[in-house]
Amino acid sequence: MSAAIEGLKPELVWKYFAEISRIPRPSKHEEAMTKYVVDTAKKLGLSAKTDSFGNVVVKKPATSGRENVKSIALQGHLDMVPEKNSDKVHDFLKDPIELVRKGNMLMANGTTLGADNGIAVATNLAIMEDRTLEHGPLEFLFTVDEETGLTGANNLGPGFLESKTLMNLDSEEEGAVYVGCSGGKNTVGTWKVEFDNAPANVQFFDLKVRGLRGGHSGLEIDKGRGNSLKVITRVLLALTDIGARMSFIQGGNKSNAIPREADAVVAIPKKAVGEAKKIVAHFCEVIKPEIATVDPDLSITLSEIKSKKAKVLKKGYQKKILQTLSALPHGVTKMSADIPGLIETSTNVAIIETKGKKISIITSQRSSVASEINEICETVRNIFDLAGAEHETQEGYPGWKPNMKSEILKVAKSTYQSLYGKEVLVKAIHAGLECGIIGEKYPGMDMISFGPTLEGVHSPDEKIYIDTVEKFWNFLLAILKNAR
């Protein structure tokens, strides 16, 4: 047993969480997890089936006297976001997640924790094993590749799931039940760029942005956190004014994460090196106070390197790309007028990558209103178009419209009130949940989503609050007991 989970309750949930933390499961590489779930089901004497994509459904019969209760599906996804700090040596395809307990928080050592959505997987496995629980017929749905394409949910086939009620365990706030979510799409712009030989009398420098917290591009988009691509662009535009030429730029690596780090290689005229260093120091002094409350550890550094690359972007391309990065909107564009505090529409400048003679910017848009997501995608495409980039908005995922008359919601509300003496919060979330897709695949599905409290998901700051796991567990078991 991992020392980090020793003594934690509920013991069975944490046992499974530690076990799956040793199994590599980045998105699109969940084969070992699929096998583990199926093997565990067989060991427990439960039936399990998989589809060609790696999704798994396990069935557990009702306890005695509960056979006539409606079947309920409990759902979570097997994959995790593989993010790590730049100085952390970790291979997500081979290495286990190193669990670290800090007071009431469980974290990982320099990487994402995988509680999104490993806590749902562990909870399902614990319920599969525990024979003392009272419940009706249960299905446990484990989907794949939620984080990078919702591939598993998108490919669920007719009849794979038989329940007409589903509880998604992929929300991140104990004491809240979610009944709706945003839809999302990615919009990408790409330039086929041309290079010049580097001018004479230049020195090459590596410009780095580090220390930002990043985070989930839906859940943390309203927190005012720094975007590394926006930060490095401000510096590069100023360096361009003193003759700097850019040969490489890279930043961000997940479309659903606010980018934490960015790098650029620039050739600076030797006579302007002193001025370049002053510019970098200036932006450190200017930008750090702007975000100090939420992102206190920003660093911007300029280090001389011996570049093997003697090529730099033609000035026209450099100007177009930097101006595009500057012009692209990032953050919340509209709040809901119907649900107080709910972000309705947002956009995230997520990734820039240099690959050979192509430079691409990847952005992600979210909204709970279909027409608004189309509008913000069009805004981003128009900016790319003005800058001469090839562009496309990729197929996304649907939102999930709230059903305030939901039967399972009624059970959840009364159950929470009886357990904890207060009303559960009923919310919608500005993030993509598989419920939207599952609802399309299985029309009429009655759904809610809830979970324990997580913070910093999709970043190495990811943490789960230990005390909320037991409350979540007790809430879930009580719903299963009270369902009719």
Protein backbone atom coordinates (compact mmCIF):
# COMPACT_ATOMS: atom_id res chain seq x y z
CA MET A 1 0.00 0.00 0.00
CA SER A 2 1.21 3.50 -0.82
CA ALA A 3 2.16 5.40 2.32
CA ALA A 4 0.29 8.42 0.95
CA ILE A 5 -3.10 6.69 1.29
CA GLU A 6 -2.45 4.79 4.51
CA GLY A 7 -5.38 5.16 6.92
CA LEU A 8 -7.60 7.05 4.47
CA LYS A 9 -11.34 6.37 4.31
CA PRO A 10 -13.13 4.82 2.52
CA GLU A 11 -10.35 2.29 2.49
CA LEU A 12 -11.56 0.33 -0.54
CA VAL A 13 -11.75 3.44 -2.75
CA TRP A 14 -8.24 4.55 -1.83
CA LYS A 15 -6.89 1.02 -2.30
CA TYR A 16 -8.09 1.00 -5.89
CA PHE A 17 -6.96 4.58 -6.47
CA ALA A 18 -3.42 3.64 -5.47
CA GLU A 19 -3.55 0.55 -7.69
CA ILE A 20 -4.65 2.39 -10.82
CA SER A 21 -2.08 5.12 -10.12
CA ARG A 22 0.53 2.49 -10.93
CA ILE A 23 -1.04 1.78 -14.33
CA PRO A 24 -0.07 4.18 -17.17
CA ARG A 25 -3.22 5.60 -18.73
CA PRO A 26 -2.68 8.79 -20.74
CA SER A 27 -5.40 9.47 -23.29
CA LYS A 28 -5.32 7.03 -26.23
CA HIS A 29 -3.18 4.61 -24.20
CA GLU A 30 -5.73 3.01 -21.87
CA GLU A 31 -5.22 -0.62 -22.94
CA ALA A 32 -3.70 -1.66 -19.61
CA MET A 33 -6.54 0.01 -17.71
CA THR A 34 -9.18 -1.67 -19.83
CA LYS A 35 -7.57 -5.03 -19.11
CA TYR A 36 -7.31 -4.24 -15.41
CA VAL A 37 -11.02 -3.40 -15.14
CA VAL A 38 -12.07 -6.53 -17.03
CA ASP A 39 -9.72 -8.73 -14.98
CA THR A 40 -11.01 -7.20 -11.74
CA ALA A 41 -14.62 -7.82 -12.78
CA LYS A 42 -13.86 -11.46 -13.58
CA LYS A 43 -12.06 -11.89 -10.26
CA LEU A 44 -15.16 -10.54 -8.51
CA GLY A 45 -17.46 -12.86 -10.47
CA LEU A 46 -19.10 -10.04 -12.43
CA SER A 47 -19.87 -9.97 -16.14
CA ALA A 48 -17.91 -7.52 -18.28
CA LYS A 49 -17.91 -6.61 -21.94
CA THR A 50 -15.73 -4.34 -24.04
CA ASP A 51 -16.12 -2.77 -27.43
CA SER A 52 -13.52 -2.26 -30.13
CA PHE A 53 -12.59 1.16 -28.73
CA GLY A 54 -11.76 -0.07 -25.23
CA ASN A 55 -14.93 1.03 -23.42
CA VAL A 56 -16.03 -1.40 -20.71
CA VAL A 57 -19.39 -2.16 -19.12
CA VAL A 58 -19.53 -4.27 -15.96
CA LYS A 59 -22.83 -5.50 -14.50
CA LYS A 60 -23.55 -6.15 -10.84
CA PRO A 61 -26.88 -7.75 -9.85
CA ALA A 62 -29.23 -6.08 -7.39
CA THR A 63 -28.98 -6.97 -3.73
CA SER A 64 -31.75 -9.15 -2.33
CA GLY A 65 -35.15 -7.42 -2.40
CA ARG A 66 -34.00 -4.68 -4.79
CA GLU A 67 -34.33 -6.59 -8.05
CA ASN A 68 -37.25 -4.45 -9.30
CA VAL A 69 -35.46 -1.11 -8.86
CA LYS A 70 -34.52 0.67 -12.10
CA SER A 71 -31.01 -0.14 -13.27
CA ILE A 72 -28.50 2.69 -12.76
CA ALA A 73 -25.24 3.20 -14.63
CA LEU A 74 -22.24 4.72 -12.83
CA GLN A 75 -19.82 6.28 -15.30
CA GLY A 76 -16.26 7.58 -15.38
CA HIS A 77 -13.39 7.70 -17.88
CA LEU A 78 -10.22 5.61 -17.77
CA ASP A 79 -7.76 8.13 -19.22
CA MET A 80 -5.90 11.01 -17.59
CA VAL A 81 -4.18 14.18 -18.81
CA PRO A 82 -0.37 13.61 -18.91
CA GLU A 83 1.04 16.96 -17.76
CA LYS A 84 4.31 17.43 -15.87
CA ASN A 85 6.64 20.18 -14.81
CA SER A 86 9.45 20.78 -17.29
CA ASP A 87 12.11 19.67 -14.82
CA LYS A 88 10.27 16.46 -13.88
CA VAL A 89 11.58 13.24 -15.41
CA HIS A 90 8.51 11.08 -15.99
CA ASP A 91 7.36 8.80 -18.80
CA PHE A 92 3.56 8.64 -18.71
CA LEU A 93 3.63 5.49 -20.86
CA LYS A 94 5.73 3.59 -18.34
CA ASP A 95 6.06 5.28 -14.97
CA PRO A 96 3.58 5.13 -12.07
CA ILE A 97 2.13 8.30 -10.61
CA GLU A 98 3.94 9.17 -7.38
CA LEU A 99 1.31 9.99 -4.75
CA VAL A 100 2.05 12.68 -2.17
CA ARG A 101 -0.16 13.57 0.79
CA LYS A 102 -0.09 17.16 2.04
CA GLY A 103 -2.46 17.53 4.96
CA ASN A 104 -5.98 17.17 3.60
CA MET A 105 -4.78 17.06 -0.01
CA LEU A 106 -3.53 14.22 -2.16
CA MET A 107 -1.28 15.30 -5.03
CA ALA A 108 1.36 13.86 -7.33
CA ASN A 109 5.08 14.55 -7.43
CA GLY A 110 5.52 16.99 -10.32
CA THR A 111 2.80 15.51 -12.54
CA THR A 112 -0.93 15.44 -12.88
CA LEU A 113 -2.52 13.23 -10.24
CA GLY A 114 -5.10 11.52 -12.42
CA ALA A 115 -7.92 11.98 -9.91
CA ASP A 116 -9.66 13.32 -13.01
CA ASN A 117 -11.13 10.78 -13.47
CA GLY A 118 -9.32 8.09 -11.52
CA ILE A 119 -11.45 8.76 -8.46
CA ALA A 120 -14.56 7.67 -10.41
CA VAL A 121 -12.79 4.54 -11.64
CA ALA A 122 -11.66 3.69 -8.11
CA THR A 123 -15.15 4.34 -6.73
CA ASN A 124 -16.75 2.08 -9.32
CA LEU A 125 -14.25 -0.68 -8.60
CA ALA A 126 -14.91 -0.35 -4.88
CA ILE A 127 -18.69 -0.65 -5.38
CA MET A 128 -18.11 -3.63 -7.65
CA GLU A 129 -16.22 -5.37 -4.84
CA ASP A 130 -18.26 -4.37 -1.79
CA ARG A 131 -20.95 -6.99 -1.13
CA THR A 132 -22.37 -5.18 1.92
CA LEU A 133 -24.02 -2.38 -0.06
CA GLU A 134 -27.74 -2.04 -0.78
CA HIS A 135 -28.63 -1.21 -4.38
CA GLY A 136 -30.66 -2.13 -7.43
CA PRO A 137 -29.18 -3.50 -10.67
CA LEU A 138 -25.99 -1.62 -11.55
CA GLU A 139 -23.95 -1.04 -14.67
CA PHE A 140 -20.46 0.45 -14.48
CA LEU A 141 -19.47 2.27 -17.66
CA PHE A 142 -15.75 2.97 -18.15
CA THR A 143 -15.03 5.09 -21.23
CA VAL A 144 -11.73 5.87 -22.97
CA ASP A 145 -10.07 8.96 -24.41
CA GLU A 146 -12.35 11.49 -22.75
CA GLU A 147 -9.63 14.12 -22.45
CA THR A 148 -8.48 14.40 -26.06
CA GLY A 149 -11.54 13.69 -28.14
CA LEU A 150 -14.30 12.01 -26.10
CA THR A 151 -13.63 9.10 -28.42
CA GLY A 152 -15.04 6.42 -26.15
CA ALA A 153 -18.34 8.17 -25.53
CA ASN A 154 -18.65 9.17 -29.18
CA ASN A 155 -18.42 5.54 -30.25
CA LEU A 156 -20.77 3.92 -27.76
CA GLY A 157 -22.99 1.55 -29.69
CA PRO A 158 -26.71 0.84 -29.39
CA GLY A 159 -27.43 -1.56 -26.57
CA PHE A 160 -23.94 -1.36 -25.07
CA LEU A 161 -25.55 0.36 -22.09
CA GLU A 162 -28.99 -0.80 -20.95
CA SER A 163 -29.72 1.52 -17.99
CA LYS A 164 -32.00 4.53 -18.48
CA THR A 165 -30.52 6.38 -15.49
CA LEU A 166 -26.86 7.44 -15.32
CA MET A 167 -24.71 9.08 -12.69
CA ASN A 168 -21.51 10.56 -14.13
CA LEU A 169 -18.80 10.77 -11.45
CA ASP A 170 -16.60 13.32 -13.23
CA SER A 171 -17.54 16.59 -11.50
CA GLU A 172 -15.17 18.26 -9.09
CA GLU A 173 -17.07 20.01 -6.31
CA GLU A 174 -18.42 18.12 -3.30
CA GLY A 175 -21.83 19.44 -2.31
CA ALA A 176 -22.86 20.18 -5.89
CA VAL A 177 -24.83 18.16 -8.40
CA TYR A 178 -24.42 19.10 -12.04
CA VAL A 179 -27.28 18.89 -14.50
CA GLY A 180 -25.78 20.54 -17.60
CA CYS A 181 -22.47 21.23 -19.32
CA SER A 182 -20.99 23.19 -22.21
CA GLY A 183 -20.21 21.90 -25.65
CA GLY A 184 -16.79 22.43 -27.16
CA LYS A 185 -14.86 22.74 -30.42
CA ASN A 186 -11.26 23.40 -31.45
CA THR A 187 -10.31 25.95 -34.10
CA VAL A 188 -6.86 25.63 -35.67
CA GLY A 189 -4.89 28.04 -37.84
CA THR A 190 -1.80 26.97 -39.81
CA TRP A 191 0.76 28.83 -41.88
CA LYS A 192 3.14 27.28 -44.38
CA VAL A 193 6.05 29.51 -43.50
CA GLU A 194 9.27 30.49 -45.23
CA PHE A 195 12.68 31.12 -43.68
CA ASP A 196 15.66 33.37 -44.37
CA ASN A 197 19.25 32.78 -43.49
CA ALA A 198 20.01 34.44 -40.17
CA PRO A 199 21.41 37.97 -40.58
CA ALA A 200 25.05 38.66 -39.82
CA ASN A 201 26.10 39.97 -36.41
CA VAL A 202 23.34 38.37 -34.37
CA GLN A 203 23.33 36.30 -31.22
CA PHE A 204 20.78 33.54 -30.63
CA PHE A 205 18.78 33.48 -27.43
CA ASP A 206 16.27 31.16 -25.84
CA LEU A 207 13.26 33.05 -24.48
CA LYS A 208 11.35 31.05 -21.86
CA VAL A 209 8.11 31.60 -19.95
CA ARG A 210 7.77 29.40 -16.88
CA GLY A 211 6.04 29.18 -13.51
CA LEU A 212 2.41 29.65 -14.53
CA ARG A 213 -0.26 27.43 -13.00
CA GLY A 214 -2.26 26.72 -16.14
CA GLY A 215 -5.27 24.57 -15.42
CA HIS A 216 -8.47 23.33 -17.04
CA SER A 217 -9.52 25.58 -19.92
CA GLY A 218 -13.14 25.43 -18.80
CA LEU A 219 -13.06 25.21 -15.03
CA GLU A 220 -10.22 27.72 -14.53
CA ILE A 221 -10.81 30.01 -17.50
CA ASP A 222 -12.41 32.66 -15.26
CA LYS A 223 -9.62 32.68 -12.66
CA GLY A 224 -7.46 35.26 -14.44
CA ARG A 225 -4.47 32.94 -14.67
CA GLY A 226 -1.63 33.76 -17.01
CA ASN A 227 -1.48 32.32 -20.50
CA SER A 228 2.13 31.59 -21.48
CA LEU A 229 1.43 32.19 -25.19
CA LYS A 230 0.00 35.62 -24.49
CA VAL A 231 2.93 36.45 -22.21
CA ILE A 232 5.65 35.40 -24.66
CA THR A 233 3.88 37.22 -27.50
CA ARG A 234 4.04 40.53 -25.64
CA VAL A 235 7.77 40.10 -25.20
CA LEU A 236 8.39 38.93 -28.76
CA LEU A 237 6.50 41.88 -30.26
CA ALA A 238 8.71 44.26 -28.30
CA LEU A 239 11.85 42.35 -29.32
CA THR A 240 10.72 42.50 -32.95
CA ASP A 241 10.72 46.29 -32.70
CA ILE A 242 14.49 46.22 -32.03
CA GLY A 243 15.21 43.86 -34.92
CA ALA A 244 14.90 40.41 -33.32
CA ARG A 245 14.14 37.54 -35.71
CA MET A 246 12.35 34.42 -34.58
CA SER A 247 13.39 30.94 -35.70
CA PHE A 248 11.22 28.78 -33.45
CA ILE A 249 8.22 29.09 -31.14
CA GLN A 250 6.46 26.46 -29.06
CA GLY A 251 4.05 26.51 -26.14
CA GLY A 252 1.21 24.60 -24.56
CA ASN A 253 0.50 20.94 -25.27
CA LYS A 254 -3.19 20.30 -24.54
CA SER A 255 -6.11 22.06 -26.18
CA ASN A 256 -8.16 21.69 -22.98
CA ALA A 257 -5.49 23.24 -20.74
CA ILE A 258 -4.46 26.86 -20.24
CA PRO A 259 -0.82 26.87 -21.44
CA ARG A 260 1.74 27.10 -18.63
CA GLU A 261 5.01 27.27 -20.54
CA ALA A 262 6.31 28.69 -23.82
CA ASP A 263 9.66 28.87 -25.63
CA ALA A 264 11.03 30.84 -28.54
CA VAL A 265 14.44 30.97 -30.18
CA VAL A 266 15.31 34.46 -31.39
CA ALA A 267 18.24 36.01 -33.22
CA ILE A 268 19.00 39.43 -31.76
CA PRO A 269 21.38 41.97 -33.36
CA LYS A 270 24.49 42.09 -31.21
CA LYS A 271 24.20 45.86 -30.87
CA ALA A 272 20.66 45.41 -29.44
CA VAL A 273 21.35 42.65 -26.90
CA GLY A 274 21.49 45.09 -24.01
CA GLU A 275 18.17 46.60 -25.02
CA ALA A 276 16.66 43.11 -25.39
CA LYS A 277 17.60 42.24 -21.83
CA LYS A 278 16.00 45.48 -20.64
CA ILE A 279 12.80 44.59 -22.52
CA VAL A 280 12.60 41.19 -20.86
CA ALA A 281 13.25 42.74 -17.44
CA HIS A 282 10.57 45.33 -18.14
CA PHE A 283 7.93 42.72 -18.95
CA CYS A 284 8.85 40.75 -15.84
CA GLU A 285 8.17 43.90 -13.83
CA VAL A 286 4.95 44.67 -15.71
CA ILE A 287 3.29 41.26 -16.13
CA LYS A 288 4.13 39.71 -12.76
CA PRO A 289 2.06 42.25 -10.80
CA GLU A 290 -0.83 41.83 -13.25
CA ILE A 291 -1.31 38.20 -12.25
CA ALA A 292 0.53 37.98 -8.92
CA THR A 293 -2.59 37.14 -6.91
CA VAL A 294 -3.39 34.02 -8.96
CA ASP A 295 -0.03 33.26 -10.60
CA PRO A 296 2.78 34.44 -8.31
CA ASP A 297 5.61 32.36 -9.79
CA LEU A 298 5.86 33.68 -13.35
CA SER A 299 9.38 33.88 -14.76
CA ILE A 300 10.53 35.23 -18.13
CA THR A 301 14.15 34.51 -19.01
CA LEU A 302 16.45 35.24 -21.94
CA SER A 303 19.50 32.96 -22.22
CA GLU A 304 22.17 33.01 -24.89
CA ILE A 305 22.54 29.77 -26.82
CA LYS A 306 24.70 28.43 -29.60
CA SER A 307 21.99 27.75 -32.11
CA LYS A 308 22.46 25.08 -34.72
CA LYS A 309 19.65 26.75 -36.62
CA ALA A 310 20.89 29.47 -38.96
CA LYS A 311 17.39 30.10 -40.28
CA VAL A 312 14.87 32.70 -39.15
CA LEU A 313 11.27 33.33 -40.15
CA LYS A 314 10.73 35.79 -42.95
CA LYS A 315 9.66 39.08 -41.41
CA GLY A 316 6.17 38.93 -42.89
CA TYR A 317 5.39 35.58 -41.30
CA GLN A 318 6.85 36.61 -37.98
CA LYS A 319 4.65 39.69 -37.94
CA LYS A 320 1.48 37.78 -38.94
CA ILE A 321 1.96 35.04 -36.34
CA LEU A 322 2.74 37.35 -33.44
CA GLN A 323 -0.07 39.75 -34.35
CA THR A 324 -2.46 36.79 -34.55
CA LEU A 325 -1.42 35.56 -31.11
CA SER A 326 -1.94 39.06 -29.80
CA ALA A 327 -5.34 39.49 -31.47
CA LEU A 328 -6.88 36.13 -30.57
CA PRO A 329 -9.32 36.43 -27.66
CA HIS A 330 -8.59 34.39 -24.56
CA GLY A 331 -10.86 33.93 -21.56
CA VAL A 332 -14.52 34.42 -20.77
CA THR A 333 -16.54 36.14 -23.49
CA LYS A 334 -20.00 35.85 -21.91
CA MET A 335 -21.56 34.96 -18.56
CA SER A 336 -24.95 33.27 -18.30
CA ALA A 337 -27.91 35.55 -17.69
CA ASP A 338 -29.97 32.57 -16.48
CA ILE A 339 -27.68 30.81 -14.00
CA PRO A 340 -25.73 33.18 -11.71
CA GLY A 341 -21.98 32.60 -11.80
CA LEU A 342 -22.06 30.25 -14.80
CA ILE A 343 -19.66 30.98 -17.63
CA GLU A 344 -21.65 30.71 -20.82
CA THR A 345 -18.99 31.14 -23.49
CA SER A 346 -15.18 31.20 -23.50
CA THR A 347 -12.16 30.63 -25.70
CA ASN A 348 -8.65 29.40 -24.91
CA VAL A 349 -5.47 30.15 -26.88
CA ALA A 350 -4.00 26.76 -26.13
CA ILE A 351 -1.03 25.69 -28.27
CA ILE A 352 1.47 26.99 -30.77
CA GLU A 353 3.80 24.53 -32.44
CA THR A 354 6.55 24.72 -35.05
CA LYS A 355 6.88 21.62 -37.20
CA GLY A 356 9.27 21.94 -40.11
CA LYS A 357 7.87 24.63 -42.37
CA LYS A 358 4.49 24.81 -40.65
CA ILE A 359 3.43 26.81 -37.63
CA SER A 360 0.03 26.11 -36.08
CA ILE A 361 -2.05 27.77 -33.38
CA ILE A 362 -4.67 25.60 -31.69
CA THR A 363 -7.53 27.23 -29.83
CA SER A 364 -10.53 25.77 -28.00
CA GLN A 365 -14.01 27.25 -27.66
CA ARG A 366 -16.74 26.31 -25.17
CA SER A 367 -20.36 27.34 -24.70
CA SER A 368 -23.57 25.99 -23.28
CA VAL A 369 -25.40 27.72 -26.15
CA ALA A 370 -24.89 26.14 -29.58
CA SER A 371 -25.26 29.40 -31.52
CA GLU A 372 -22.70 31.15 -29.32
CA ILE A 373 -20.05 28.49 -29.78
CA ASN A 374 -20.53 28.86 -33.53
CA GLU A 375 -20.11 32.63 -33.20
CA ILE A 376 -16.90 32.51 -31.16
CA CYS A 377 -15.46 29.89 -33.52
CA GLU A 378 -16.27 32.21 -36.44
CA THR A 379 -14.52 35.09 -34.65
CA VAL A 380 -11.36 33.01 -34.28
CA ARG A 381 -11.52 31.80 -37.89
CA ASN A 382 -11.88 35.38 -39.13
CA ILE A 383 -8.72 36.41 -37.26
CA PHE A 384 -6.85 33.50 -38.82
CA ASP A 385 -8.25 34.43 -42.21
CA LEU A 386 -7.11 38.04 -41.91
CA ALA A 387 -3.63 36.76 -41.07
CA GLY A 388 -3.48 34.50 -44.11
CA ALA A 389 -3.62 31.21 -42.23
CA GLU A 390 -5.36 28.07 -43.36
CA HIS A 391 -8.00 27.34 -40.75
CA GLU A 392 -10.66 24.89 -39.68
CA THR A 393 -13.05 24.34 -36.80
CA GLN A 394 -12.93 20.69 -35.89
CA GLU A 395 -15.91 18.55 -34.97
CA GLY A 396 -16.58 18.98 -31.27
CA TYR A 397 -18.93 17.59 -28.67
CA PRO A 398 -22.46 18.59 -27.69
CA GLY A 399 -23.61 20.33 -24.55
CA TRP A 400 -26.02 18.81 -22.05
CA LYS A 401 -29.26 20.66 -21.46
CA PRO A 402 -30.46 20.71 -17.83
CA ASN A 403 -33.58 18.75 -16.90
CA MET A 404 -34.80 20.21 -13.63
CA LYS A 405 -37.61 17.59 -13.47
CA SER A 406 -35.13 14.69 -13.46
CA GLU A 407 -36.13 11.78 -11.20
CA ILE A 408 -32.56 10.97 -10.19
CA LEU A 409 -32.01 14.67 -9.39
CA LYS A 410 -34.96 14.57 -7.00
CA VAL A 411 -33.48 11.53 -5.25
CA ALA A 412 -30.07 13.21 -5.04
CA LYS A 413 -31.50 16.43 -3.57
CA SER A 414 -33.52 14.68 -0.86
CA THR A 415 -30.66 12.32 -0.07
CA TYR A 416 -28.13 15.10 0.43
CA GLN A 417 -30.55 17.02 2.64
CA SER A 418 -31.13 13.99 4.87
CA LEU A 419 -27.43 13.12 5.06
CA TYR A 420 -25.92 16.55 5.67
CA GLY A 421 -28.79 18.75 6.79
CA LYS A 422 -28.49 21.23 3.94
CA GLU A 423 -29.46 21.55 0.30
CA VAL A 424 -27.14 20.29 -2.38
CA LEU A 425 -26.19 22.93 -4.96
CA VAL A 426 -27.65 22.28 -8.40
CA LYS A 427 -25.36 23.62 -11.11
CA ALA A 428 -24.26 23.51 -14.72
CA ILE A 429 -20.54 23.38 -15.56
CA HIS A 430 -18.42 25.21 -18.12
CA ALA A 431 -16.61 22.08 -19.18
CA GLY A 432 -17.30 19.12 -21.38
CA LEU A 433 -18.85 16.11 -19.71
CA GLU A 434 -19.59 12.87 -21.48
CA CYS A 435 -23.23 13.28 -20.46
CA GLY A 436 -23.92 15.41 -23.53
CA ILE A 437 -22.75 12.65 -25.86
CA ILE A 438 -24.29 9.82 -23.82
CA GLY A 439 -27.60 11.69 -23.89
CA GLU A 440 -27.40 11.80 -27.71
CA LYS A 441 -26.44 8.13 -27.93
CA TYR A 442 -29.21 7.01 -25.56
CA PRO A 443 -32.17 9.42 -25.88
CA GLY A 444 -34.19 9.84 -22.71
CA MET A 445 -31.29 9.01 -20.40
CA ASP A 446 -31.90 10.59 -16.96
CA MET A 447 -28.54 11.96 -15.79
CA ILE A 448 -26.73 13.86 -13.06
CA SER A 449 -23.03 14.40 -12.40
CA PHE A 450 -21.16 14.86 -9.12
CA GLY A 451 -17.90 14.03 -7.38
CA PRO A 452 -15.47 15.02 -4.62
CA THR A 453 -13.56 18.31 -4.68
CA LEU A 454 -10.61 18.56 -7.07
CA GLU A 455 -8.51 21.57 -8.00
CA GLY A 456 -5.86 22.27 -10.61
CA VAL A 457 -6.90 19.42 -12.90
CA HIS A 458 -4.97 19.09 -16.18
CA SER A 459 -1.89 20.55 -14.45
CA PRO A 460 0.80 19.33 -12.04
CA ASP A 461 -1.03 21.30 -9.34
CA GLU A 462 -3.92 18.83 -9.49
CA LYS A 463 -5.14 17.88 -6.03
CA ILE A 464 -8.06 16.07 -4.43
CA TYR A 465 -9.36 17.01 -1.01
CA ILE A 466 -9.29 13.85 1.04
CA ASP A 467 -12.20 14.61 3.37
CA THR A 468 -14.55 15.21 0.43
CA VAL A 469 -14.02 11.70 -0.91
CA GLU A 470 -15.74 10.09 2.06
CA LYS A 471 -18.66 12.55 1.81
CA PHE A 472 -18.96 11.82 -1.91
CA TRP A 473 -18.84 8.08 -1.23
CA ASN A 474 -21.55 8.21 1.42
CA PHE A 475 -23.73 10.41 -0.80
CA LEU A 476 -23.40 8.04 -3.74
CA LEU A 477 -24.18 4.94 -1.68
CA ALA A 478 -27.22 6.64 -0.12
CA ILE A 479 -28.57 7.55 -3.57
CA LEU A 480 -28.22 3.92 -4.64
CA LYS A 481 -30.05 2.86 -1.49
CA ASN A 482 -32.86 5.41 -1.92
CA ALA A 483 -33.40 4.99 -5.67
CA ARG A 484 -36.63 3.34 -6.73
